[in-house]
């Protein structure tokens, strides 16, 4: 990938390269002299970060980032997810319910399983019993599954058929999210959907969404996740109102990351 991008940069001649994580643009930027700006929020990707951070020209992380950083790192008051899910640029489309086979007023939970193949997931774990968990949850609420790879045959009928670009509307419409995916948990949280992140990792931005805004919970314990679900579903209307208020409080303190990013790039180009 590095060789291919180097060739493309030589032919296309960009003024700037931007990326999340940055394992390709950072070395290519040094090879070609084209500035590379890296945006990242995952402290646990230690091997990648040790490689990328010294090479990139600029590094941007959320204020909640808790890992070691080089002196050049710049912090911003937001989350990556607010670059595309801030209300200034995203509005949920309720017709996604029909695409997912859901009724207009039906409560449902989105459950996310990851492949555990990503570098930042190495050594971590999530659900201890995927089938048992979903079966118990299905007795309480309609379940829609999204997964990075195949699911056990007993759960295959619950996998959503919707297109990937429609997942954010599905999250916004959901009664709750519970899963092993950090990004999707944060997406649900910034949309005001209660989120339970079942994972052994502890990430700075997840901690902030939990401790400061109470929009999600991060637990490695499946039993604890099930307790939280029961609490959230005990009074669904009250939970919906409460999380809408919490989301509003978060949006008052955090920036529109998409607009901020455009301003950064425009300032560089002018």
C-alpha atoms as a PDB file:
ATOM      1  CA  UNK A   1       0.000   0.000   0.000  1.00  0.00           C
ATOM      2  CA  UNK A   2       2.863   2.363   0.756  1.00  0.00           C
ATOM      3  CA  UNK A   3       4.375   1.801  -2.689  1.00  0.00           C
ATOM      4  CA  UNK A   4       1.019   2.265  -4.431  1.00  0.00           C
ATOM      5  CA  UNK A   5       0.237   5.467  -2.563  1.00  0.00           C
ATOM      6  CA  UNK A   6       3.734   6.832  -3.197  1.00  0.00           C
ATOM      7  CA  UNK A   7       3.198   6.360  -6.926  1.00  0.00           C
ATOM      8  CA  UNK A   8      -0.226   7.967  -6.733  1.00  0.00           C
ATOM      9  CA  UNK A   9       1.138  10.964  -4.826  1.00  0.00           C
ATOM     10  CA  UNK A  10       3.871  11.477  -7.415  1.00  0.00           C
ATOM     11  CA  UNK A  11       1.274  11.504 -10.214  1.00  0.00           C
ATOM     12  CA  UNK A  12      -1.552  13.355  -8.448  1.00  0.00           C
ATOM     13  CA  UNK A  13       0.648  15.829  -6.534  1.00  0.00           C
ATOM     14  CA  UNK A  14      -1.657  16.590  -3.582  1.00  0.00           C
ATOM     15  CA  UNK A  15      -0.991  19.554  -1.307  1.00  0.00           C
ATOM     16  CA  UNK A  16      -1.954  17.608   1.806  1.00  0.00           C
ATOM     17  CA  UNK A  17      -2.818  14.098   2.984  1.00  0.00           C
ATOM     18  CA  UNK A  18      -5.242  13.429   5.841  1.00  0.00           C
ATOM     19  CA  UNK A  19      -6.072  10.136   7.484  1.00  0.00           C
ATOM     20  CA  UNK A  20      -7.256   8.251  10.528  1.00  0.00           C
ATOM     21  CA  UNK A  21      -4.516   6.158  12.167  1.00  0.00           C
ATOM     22  CA  UNK A  22      -2.142   7.031   9.310  1.00  0.00           C
ATOM     23  CA  UNK A  23       0.081   3.950   8.829  1.00  0.00           C
ATOM     24  CA  UNK A  24       0.309   4.619   5.088  1.00  0.00           C
ATOM     25  CA  UNK A  25       0.119   8.398   4.696  1.00  0.00           C
ATOM     26  CA  UNK A  26       2.708   9.065   7.422  1.00  0.00           C
ATOM     27  CA  UNK A  27       5.639   7.252   5.739  1.00  0.00           C
ATOM     28  CA  UNK A  28       4.510   8.346   2.272  1.00  0.00           C
ATOM     29  CA  UNK A  29       4.452  11.932   3.485  1.00  0.00           C
ATOM     30  CA  UNK A  30       8.090  11.651   4.555  1.00  0.00           C
ATOM     31  CA  UNK A  31       9.074   9.974   1.291  1.00  0.00           C
ATOM     32  CA  UNK A  32       7.335  12.508  -0.957  1.00  0.00           C
ATOM     33  CA  UNK A  33       7.495  15.662   1.148  1.00  0.00           C
ATOM     34  CA  UNK A  34       3.704  16.047   1.125  1.00  0.00           C
ATOM     35  CA  UNK A  35       2.439  16.950   4.627  1.00  0.00           C
ATOM     36  CA  UNK A  36       0.514  14.184   6.378  1.00  0.00           C
ATOM     37  CA  UNK A  37      -2.051  15.021   9.050  1.00  0.00           C
ATOM     38  CA  UNK A  38      -3.137  12.140  11.246  1.00  0.00           C
ATOM     39  CA  UNK A  39      -6.301  12.065  13.352  1.00  0.00           C
ATOM     40  CA  UNK A  40      -6.508   9.299  15.926  1.00  0.00           C
ATOM     41  CA  UNK A  41      -8.236   8.435  19.169  1.00  0.00           C
ATOM     42  CA  UNK A  42      -7.105   4.914  20.050  1.00  0.00           C
ATOM     43  CA  UNK A  43      -4.424   4.731  22.717  1.00  0.00           C
ATOM     44  CA  UNK A  44      -4.395   0.924  22.681  1.00  0.00           C
ATOM     45  CA  UNK A  45      -2.996   0.686  19.124  1.00  0.00           C
ATOM     46  CA  UNK A  46       0.464   1.049  20.636  1.00  0.00           C
ATOM     47  CA  UNK A  47       2.547  -0.562  17.880  1.00  0.00           C
ATOM     48  CA  UNK A  48       0.910   1.496  15.136  1.00  0.00           C
ATOM     49  CA  UNK A  49       1.129   4.681  17.174  1.00  0.00           C
ATOM     50  CA  UNK A  50       4.850   4.222  17.865  1.00  0.00           C
ATOM     51  CA  UNK A  51       5.410   3.942  14.118  1.00  0.00           C
ATOM     52  CA  UNK A  52       3.045   6.654  12.885  1.00  0.00           C
ATOM     53  CA  UNK A  53       3.335   9.452  15.427  1.00  0.00           C
ATOM     54  CA  UNK A  54       7.012  10.296  14.821  1.00  0.00           C
ATOM     55  CA  UNK A  55       6.507  10.284  11.038  1.00  0.00           C
ATOM     56  CA  UNK A  56       3.353  12.344  10.550  1.00  0.00           C
ATOM     57  CA  UNK A  57       3.706  16.103  10.140  1.00  0.00           C
ATOM     58  CA  UNK A  58       0.737  16.977  12.371  1.00  0.00           C
ATOM     59  CA  UNK A  59      -1.161  14.851  14.862  1.00  0.00           C
ATOM     60  CA  UNK A  60      -4.654  15.616  16.167  1.00  0.00           C
ATOM     61  CA  UNK A  61      -6.261  13.794  19.099  1.00  0.00           C
ATOM     62  CA  UNK A  62      -9.348  14.416  21.255  1.00  0.00           C
ATOM     63  CA  UNK A  63      -8.865  16.208  24.573  1.00  0.00           C
ATOM     64  CA  UNK A  64      -9.880  12.925  26.203  1.00  0.00           C
ATOM     65  CA  UNK A  65      -6.900  11.018  24.743  1.00  0.00           C
ATOM     66  CA  UNK A  66      -5.026   9.467  27.673  1.00  0.00           C
ATOM     67  CA  UNK A  67      -2.011   7.788  26.068  1.00  0.00           C
ATOM     68  CA  UNK A  68       1.547   9.063  25.522  1.00  0.00           C
ATOM     69  CA  UNK A  69       1.907  11.697  22.805  1.00  0.00           C
ATOM     70  CA  UNK A  70       4.722  13.571  21.069  1.00  0.00           C
ATOM     71  CA  UNK A  71       5.065  17.293  21.719  1.00  0.00           C
ATOM     72  CA  UNK A  72       3.589  18.126  18.299  1.00  0.00           C
ATOM     73  CA  UNK A  73       0.196  16.579  19.151  1.00  0.00           C
ATOM     74  CA  UNK A  74      -2.746  18.989  19.026  1.00  0.00           C
ATOM     75  CA  UNK A  75      -5.947  18.335  20.959  1.00  0.00           C
ATOM     76  CA  UNK A  76      -9.485  19.219  19.917  1.00  0.00           C
ATOM     77  CA  UNK A  77     -12.725  19.322  21.915  1.00  0.00           C
ATOM     78  CA  UNK A  78     -14.688  16.598  20.238  1.00  0.00           C
ATOM     79  CA  UNK A  79     -14.826  13.062  18.891  1.00  0.00           C
ATOM     80  CA  UNK A  80     -14.146  11.681  15.428  1.00  0.00           C
ATOM     81  CA  UNK A  81     -17.782  10.660  15.277  1.00  0.00           C
ATOM     82  CA  UNK A  82     -18.857  14.310  15.479  1.00  0.00           C
ATOM     83  CA  UNK A  83     -17.198  14.958  12.119  1.00  0.00           C
ATOM     84  CA  UNK A  84     -20.077  13.132  10.423  1.00  0.00           C
ATOM     85  CA  UNK A  85     -22.797  12.736  13.070  1.00  0.00           C
ATOM     86  CA  UNK A  86     -22.998  16.287  14.393  1.00  0.00           C
ATOM     87  CA  UNK A  87     -26.592  17.543  13.956  1.00  0.00           C
ATOM     88  CA  UNK A  88     -25.334  20.224  11.572  1.00  0.00           C
ATOM     89  CA  UNK A  89     -24.674  17.508   8.971  1.00  0.00           C
ATOM     90  CA  UNK A  90     -26.598  14.395   9.956  1.00  0.00           C
ATOM     91  CA  UNK A  91     -30.330  13.793  10.241  1.00  0.00           C
ATOM     92  CA  UNK A  92     -31.704  10.338  10.900  1.00  0.00           C
ATOM     93  CA  UNK A  93     -33.922   8.811   8.223  1.00  0.00           C
ATOM     94  CA  UNK A  94     -36.695   6.770   9.884  1.00  0.00           C
ATOM     95  CA  UNK A  95     -37.382   4.853   6.664  1.00  0.00           C
ATOM     96  CA  UNK A  96     -34.385   2.722   7.618  1.00  0.00           C
ATOM     97  CA  UNK A  97     -36.797   0.847   9.876  1.00  0.00           C
ATOM     98  CA  UNK A  98     -38.653  -0.558   6.891  1.00  0.00           C
ATOM     99  CA  UNK A  99     -35.360  -1.574   5.256  1.00  0.00           C
ATOM    100  CA  UNK A 100     -34.427  -3.460   8.432  1.00  0.00           C
ATOM    101  CA  UNK A 101     -37.820  -5.157   8.675  1.00  0.00           C
ATOM    102  CA  UNK A 102     -38.900  -3.109  11.696  1.00  0.00           C
ATOM    103  CA  UNK A 103     -42.256  -1.508  12.451  1.00  0.00           C
ATOM    104  CA  UNK A 104     -42.500   2.280  12.655  1.00  0.00           C
ATOM    105  CA  UNK A 105     -42.965   2.309  16.436  1.00  0.00           C
ATOM    106  CA  UNK A 106     -41.052  -0.856  17.343  1.00  0.00           C
ATOM    107  CA  UNK A 107     -38.404  -0.769  20.053  1.00  0.00           C
ATOM    108  CA  UNK A 108     -35.209  -2.556  19.094  1.00  0.00           C
ATOM    109  CA  UNK A 109     -31.588  -3.035  20.127  1.00  0.00           C
ATOM    110  CA  UNK A 110     -28.593  -2.993  17.807  1.00  0.00           C
ATOM    111  CA  UNK A 111     -26.018  -5.639  18.739  1.00  0.00           C
ATOM    112  CA  UNK A 112     -22.527  -5.438  17.246  1.00  0.00           C
ATOM    113  CA  UNK A 113     -19.958  -8.237  16.987  1.00  0.00           C
ATOM    114  CA  UNK A 114     -16.391  -7.513  15.832  1.00  0.00           C
ATOM    115  CA  UNK A 115     -13.918  -9.822  14.099  1.00  0.00           C
ATOM    116  CA  UNK A 116     -11.074  -9.287  16.637  1.00  0.00           C
ATOM    117  CA  UNK A 117      -8.655  -9.023  13.711  1.00  0.00           C
ATOM    118  CA  UNK A 118      -7.895  -5.290  14.076  1.00  0.00           C
ATOM    119  CA  UNK A 119      -4.506  -4.435  15.574  1.00  0.00           C
ATOM    120  CA  UNK A 120      -6.102  -2.411  18.366  1.00  0.00           C
ATOM    121  CA  UNK A 121      -8.236  -5.408  19.413  1.00  0.00           C
ATOM    122  CA  UNK A 122      -5.341  -7.821  19.922  1.00  0.00           C
ATOM    123  CA  UNK A 123      -5.393  -9.291  23.413  1.00  0.00           C
ATOM    124  CA  UNK A 124      -8.852  -7.944  24.222  1.00  0.00           C
ATOM    125  CA  UNK A 125     -12.157  -9.757  24.599  1.00  0.00           C
ATOM    126  CA  UNK A 126     -15.869  -8.975  24.483  1.00  0.00           C
ATOM    127  CA  UNK A 127     -18.961 -11.158  24.874  1.00  0.00           C
ATOM    128  CA  UNK A 128     -18.341 -14.472  26.623  1.00  0.00           C
ATOM    129  CA  UNK A 129     -21.457 -16.122  25.158  1.00  0.00           C
ATOM    130  CA  UNK A 130     -22.778 -14.522  21.986  1.00  0.00           C
ATOM    131  CA  UNK A 131     -25.704 -16.876  21.444  1.00  0.00           C
ATOM    132  CA  UNK A 132     -26.877 -16.945  25.051  1.00  0.00           C
ATOM    133  CA  UNK A 133     -26.637 -13.176  25.361  1.00  0.00           C
ATOM    134  CA  UNK A 134     -28.701 -12.521  22.244  1.00  0.00           C
ATOM    135  CA  UNK A 135     -31.290 -15.131  23.173  1.00  0.00           C
ATOM    136  CA  UNK A 136     -31.821 -13.519  26.577  1.00  0.00           C
ATOM    137  CA  UNK A 137     -31.923 -10.027  25.081  1.00  0.00           C
ATOM    138  CA  UNK A 138     -34.417 -11.151  22.430  1.00  0.00           C
ATOM    139  CA  UNK A 139     -36.840 -12.081  25.200  1.00  0.00           C
ATOM    140  CA  UNK A 140     -36.890  -8.403  26.238  1.00  0.00           C
ATOM    141  CA  UNK A 141     -36.641  -6.465  22.977  1.00  0.00           C
ATOM    142  CA  UNK A 142     -36.318  -6.956  19.214  1.00  0.00           C
ATOM    143  CA  UNK A 143     -32.658  -7.542  18.290  1.00  0.00           C
ATOM    144  CA  UNK A 144     -30.893  -6.450  15.106  1.00  0.00           C
ATOM    145  CA  UNK A 145     -27.328  -7.730  14.641  1.00  0.00           C
ATOM    146  CA  UNK A 146     -24.495  -6.142  12.691  1.00  0.00           C
ATOM    147  CA  UNK A 147     -21.199  -8.010  12.468  1.00  0.00           C
ATOM    148  CA  UNK A 148     -17.747  -7.658  10.905  1.00  0.00           C
ATOM    149  CA  UNK A 149     -17.798 -11.334   9.932  1.00  0.00           C
ATOM    150  CA  UNK A 150     -20.147 -14.322  10.126  1.00  0.00           C
ATOM    151  CA  UNK A 151     -22.251 -15.003  13.203  1.00  0.00           C
ATOM    152  CA  UNK A 152     -23.239 -18.346  14.769  1.00  0.00           C
ATOM    153  CA  UNK A 153     -25.968 -20.087  12.711  1.00  0.00           C
ATOM    154  CA  UNK A 154     -28.453 -19.669  15.561  1.00  0.00           C
ATOM    155  CA  UNK A 155     -28.209 -15.879  15.161  1.00  0.00           C
ATOM    156  CA  UNK A 156     -28.008 -15.568  11.376  1.00  0.00           C
ATOM    157  CA  UNK A 157     -31.689 -14.636  11.009  1.00  0.00           C
ATOM    158  CA  UNK A 158     -31.121 -11.527  13.157  1.00  0.00           C
ATOM    159  CA  UNK A 159     -28.382  -9.988  10.998  1.00  0.00           C
ATOM    160  CA  UNK A 160     -29.607  -6.752   9.432  1.00  0.00           C
ATOM    161  CA  UNK A 161     -29.763  -6.571   5.619  1.00  0.00           C
ATOM    162  CA  UNK A 162     -29.363  -2.784   5.441  1.00  0.00           C
ATOM    163  CA  UNK A 163     -26.513  -1.126   3.571  1.00  0.00           C
ATOM    164  CA  UNK A 164     -23.511   0.071   5.636  1.00  0.00           C
ATOM    165  CA  UNK A 165     -24.187   3.736   4.878  1.00  0.00           C
ATOM    166  CA  UNK A 166     -27.607   3.374   6.539  1.00  0.00           C
ATOM    167  CA  UNK A 167     -26.282   2.101   9.860  1.00  0.00           C
ATOM    168  CA  UNK A 168     -26.182   5.551  11.469  1.00  0.00           C
ATOM    169  CA  UNK A 169     -29.886   6.092  10.922  1.00  0.00           C
ATOM    170  CA  UNK A 170     -30.477   2.645  12.399  1.00  0.00           C
ATOM    171  CA  UNK A 171     -28.415   3.578  15.466  1.00  0.00           C
ATOM    172  CA  UNK A 172     -30.294   6.853  15.861  1.00  0.00           C
ATOM    173  CA  UNK A 173     -33.636   5.040  15.710  1.00  0.00           C
ATOM    174  CA  UNK A 174     -32.581   2.275  18.121  1.00  0.00           C
ATOM    175  CA  UNK A 175     -33.708   1.979  21.728  1.00  0.00           C
ATOM    176  CA  UNK A 176     -30.186   0.959  22.711  1.00  0.00           C
ATOM    177  CA  UNK A 177     -26.856  -0.287  21.384  1.00  0.00           C
ATOM    178  CA  UNK A 178     -24.794  -3.045  22.939  1.00  0.00           C
ATOM    179  CA  UNK A 179     -21.693  -4.467  21.333  1.00  0.00           C
ATOM    180  CA  UNK A 180     -17.970  -5.031  20.989  1.00  0.00           C
ATOM    181  CA  UNK A 181     -17.399  -2.200  18.498  1.00  0.00           C
ATOM    182  CA  UNK A 182     -15.948   0.983  20.002  1.00  0.00           C
ATOM    183  CA  UNK A 183     -16.647   3.256  17.054  1.00  0.00           C
ATOM    184  CA  UNK A 184     -20.253   2.138  16.805  1.00  0.00           C
ATOM    185  CA  UNK A 185     -20.697   2.561  20.554  1.00  0.00           C
ATOM    186  CA  UNK A 186     -19.427   6.134  20.300  1.00  0.00           C
ATOM    187  CA  UNK A 187     -21.629   6.751  17.255  1.00  0.00           C
ATOM    188  CA  UNK A 188     -24.679   5.601  19.187  1.00  0.00           C
ATOM    189  CA  UNK A 189     -23.684   7.741  22.164  1.00  0.00           C
ATOM    190  CA  UNK A 190     -23.269  10.982  20.199  1.00  0.00           C
ATOM    191  CA  UNK A 191     -26.647  10.278  18.569  1.00  0.00           C
ATOM    192  CA  UNK A 192     -28.237  10.027  22.010  1.00  0.00           C
ATOM    193  CA  UNK A 193     -28.838   6.270  21.908  1.00  0.00           C
ATOM    194  CA  UNK A 194     -27.836   4.500  25.151  1.00  0.00           C
ATOM    195  CA  UNK A 195     -24.687   2.493  24.424  1.00  0.00           C
ATOM    196  CA  UNK A 196     -23.040  -0.403  26.229  1.00  0.00           C
ATOM    197  CA  UNK A 197     -19.504  -1.196  25.047  1.00  0.00           C
ATOM    198  CA  UNK A 198     -18.665  -4.801  25.986  1.00  0.00           C
ATOM    199  CA  UNK A 199     -14.888  -4.862  25.733  1.00  0.00           C
ATOM    200  CA  UNK A 200     -11.838  -5.131  27.964  1.00  0.00           C
ATOM    201  CA  UNK A 201     -10.170  -2.053  26.422  1.00  0.00           C
ATOM    202  CA  UNK A 202     -10.367   1.338  28.143  1.00  0.00           C
ATOM    203  CA  UNK A 203     -10.207   4.260  25.719  1.00  0.00           C
ATOM    204  CA  UNK A 204     -10.031   7.928  26.663  1.00  0.00           C
ATOM    205  CA  UNK A 205     -12.922   9.120  24.536  1.00  0.00           C
ATOM    206  CA  UNK A 206     -15.112   6.270  25.755  1.00  0.00           C
ATOM    207  CA  UNK A 207     -14.252   7.139  29.342  1.00  0.00           C
ATOM    208  CA  UNK A 208     -15.252  10.750  28.750  1.00  0.00           C
ATOM    209  CA  UNK A 209     -18.564   9.779  27.164  1.00  0.00           C
ATOM    210  CA  UNK A 210     -19.191   7.582  30.203  1.00  0.00           C
ATOM    211  CA  UNK A 211     -17.843   9.679  33.078  1.00  0.00           C
ATOM    212  CA  UNK A 212     -18.663  13.199  31.883  1.00  0.00           C
ATOM    213  CA  UNK A 213     -21.836  12.693  29.876  1.00  0.00           C
ATOM    214  CA  UNK A 214     -23.240   9.305  30.986  1.00  0.00           C
ATOM    215  CA  UNK A 215     -24.056   8.445  27.387  1.00  0.00           C
ATOM    216  CA  UNK A 216     -22.475   4.995  27.461  1.00  0.00           C
ATOM    217  CA  UNK A 217     -21.019   2.307  29.683  1.00  0.00           C
ATOM    218  CA  UNK A 218     -17.762   0.436  29.090  1.00  0.00           C
ATOM    219  CA  UNK A 219     -17.684  -2.990  30.738  1.00  0.00           C
ATOM    220  CA  UNK A 220     -15.845  -6.246  30.010  1.00  0.00           C
ATOM    221  CA  UNK A 221     -18.464  -8.162  32.011  1.00  0.00           C
ATOM    222  CA  UNK A 222     -21.384  -9.610  30.052  1.00  0.00           C
ATOM    223  CA  UNK A 223     -23.449 -10.040  33.217  1.00  0.00           C
ATOM    224  CA  UNK A 224     -22.977  -6.365  34.066  1.00  0.00           C
ATOM    225  CA  UNK A 225     -24.060  -5.471  30.530  1.00  0.00           C
ATOM    226  CA  UNK A 226     -27.257  -7.444  31.026  1.00  0.00           C
ATOM    227  CA  UNK A 227     -27.943  -5.631  34.309  1.00  0.00           C
ATOM    228  CA  UNK A 228     -27.517  -2.282  32.568  1.00  0.00           C
ATOM    229  CA  UNK A 229     -29.890  -3.353  29.816  1.00  0.00           C
ATOM    230  CA  UNK A 230     -32.566  -4.201  32.371  1.00  0.00           C
ATOM    231  CA  UNK A 231     -32.153  -0.770  33.973  1.00  0.00           C
ATOM    232  CA  UNK A 232     -32.384   1.040  30.635  1.00  0.00           C
ATOM    233  CA  UNK A 233     -35.450  -0.903  29.520  1.00  0.00           C
ATOM    234  CA  UNK A 234     -37.322  -0.529  32.815  1.00  0.00           C
ATOM    235  CA  UNK A 235     -38.797   2.815  31.706  1.00  0.00           C
ATOM    236  CA  UNK A 236     -38.055   3.257  28.019  1.00  0.00           C
ATOM    237  CA  UNK A 237     -39.771   6.622  27.592  1.00  0.00           C
ATOM    238  CA  UNK A 238     -37.900   8.165  30.528  1.00  0.00           C
ATOM    239  CA  UNK A 239     -34.613   6.721  29.255  1.00  0.00           C
ATOM    240  CA  UNK A 240     -35.188   8.257  25.817  1.00  0.00           C
ATOM    241  CA  UNK A 241     -35.843  11.713  27.280  1.00  0.00           C
ATOM    242  CA  UNK A 242     -32.863  11.482  29.638  1.00  0.00           C
ATOM    243  CA  UNK A 243     -30.419  10.518  26.904  1.00  0.00           C
ATOM    244  CA  UNK A 244     -31.684  13.257  24.617  1.00  0.00           C
ATOM    245  CA  UNK A 245     -30.892  15.739  27.389  1.00  0.00           C
ATOM    246  CA  UNK A 246     -27.458  14.207  27.953  1.00  0.00           C
ATOM    247  CA  UNK A 247     -26.707  14.410  24.255  1.00  0.00           C
ATOM    248  CA  UNK A 248     -27.657  18.096  24.223  1.00  0.00           C
ATOM    249  CA  UNK A 249     -25.310  18.735  27.152  1.00  0.00           C
ATOM    250  CA  UNK A 250     -22.487  17.002  25.297  1.00  0.00           C
ATOM    251  CA  UNK A 251     -23.105  18.972  22.100  1.00  0.00           C
ATOM    252  CA  UNK A 252     -22.963  22.246  24.019  1.00  0.00           C
ATOM    253  CA  UNK A 253     -19.415  21.476  25.158  1.00  0.00           C
ATOM    254  CA  UNK A 254     -18.021  19.701  22.110  1.00  0.00           C
ATOM    255  CA  UNK A 255     -17.278  21.169  18.696  1.00  0.00           C
ATOM    256  CA  UNK A 256     -18.599  20.393  15.235  1.00  0.00           C
ATOM    257  CA  UNK A 257     -15.502  18.423  14.256  1.00  0.00           C
ATOM    258  CA  UNK A 258     -16.344  18.444  10.546  1.00  0.00           C
ATOM    259  CA  UNK A 259     -16.467  22.248  10.374  1.00  0.00           C
ATOM    260  CA  UNK A 260     -13.299  22.509  12.468  1.00  0.00           C
ATOM    261  CA  UNK A 261     -11.500  20.120  10.120  1.00  0.00           C
ATOM    262  CA  UNK A 262     -12.552  22.116   7.066  1.00  0.00           C
ATOM    263  CA  UNK A 263     -11.270  25.290   8.727  1.00  0.00           C
ATOM    264  CA  UNK A 264      -7.919  23.617   9.425  1.00  0.00           C
ATOM    265  CA  UNK A 265      -7.495  22.473   5.835  1.00  0.00           C
ATOM    266  CA  UNK A 266      -8.647  25.804   4.405  1.00  0.00           C
ATOM    267  CA  UNK A 267      -6.165  27.683   6.578  1.00  0.00           C
ATOM    268  CA  UNK A 268      -3.369  25.397   5.356  1.00  0.00           C
ATOM    269  CA  UNK A 269      -4.320  25.930   1.710  1.00  0.00           C
ATOM    270  CA  UNK A 270      -4.689  29.719   1.861  1.00  0.00           C
END
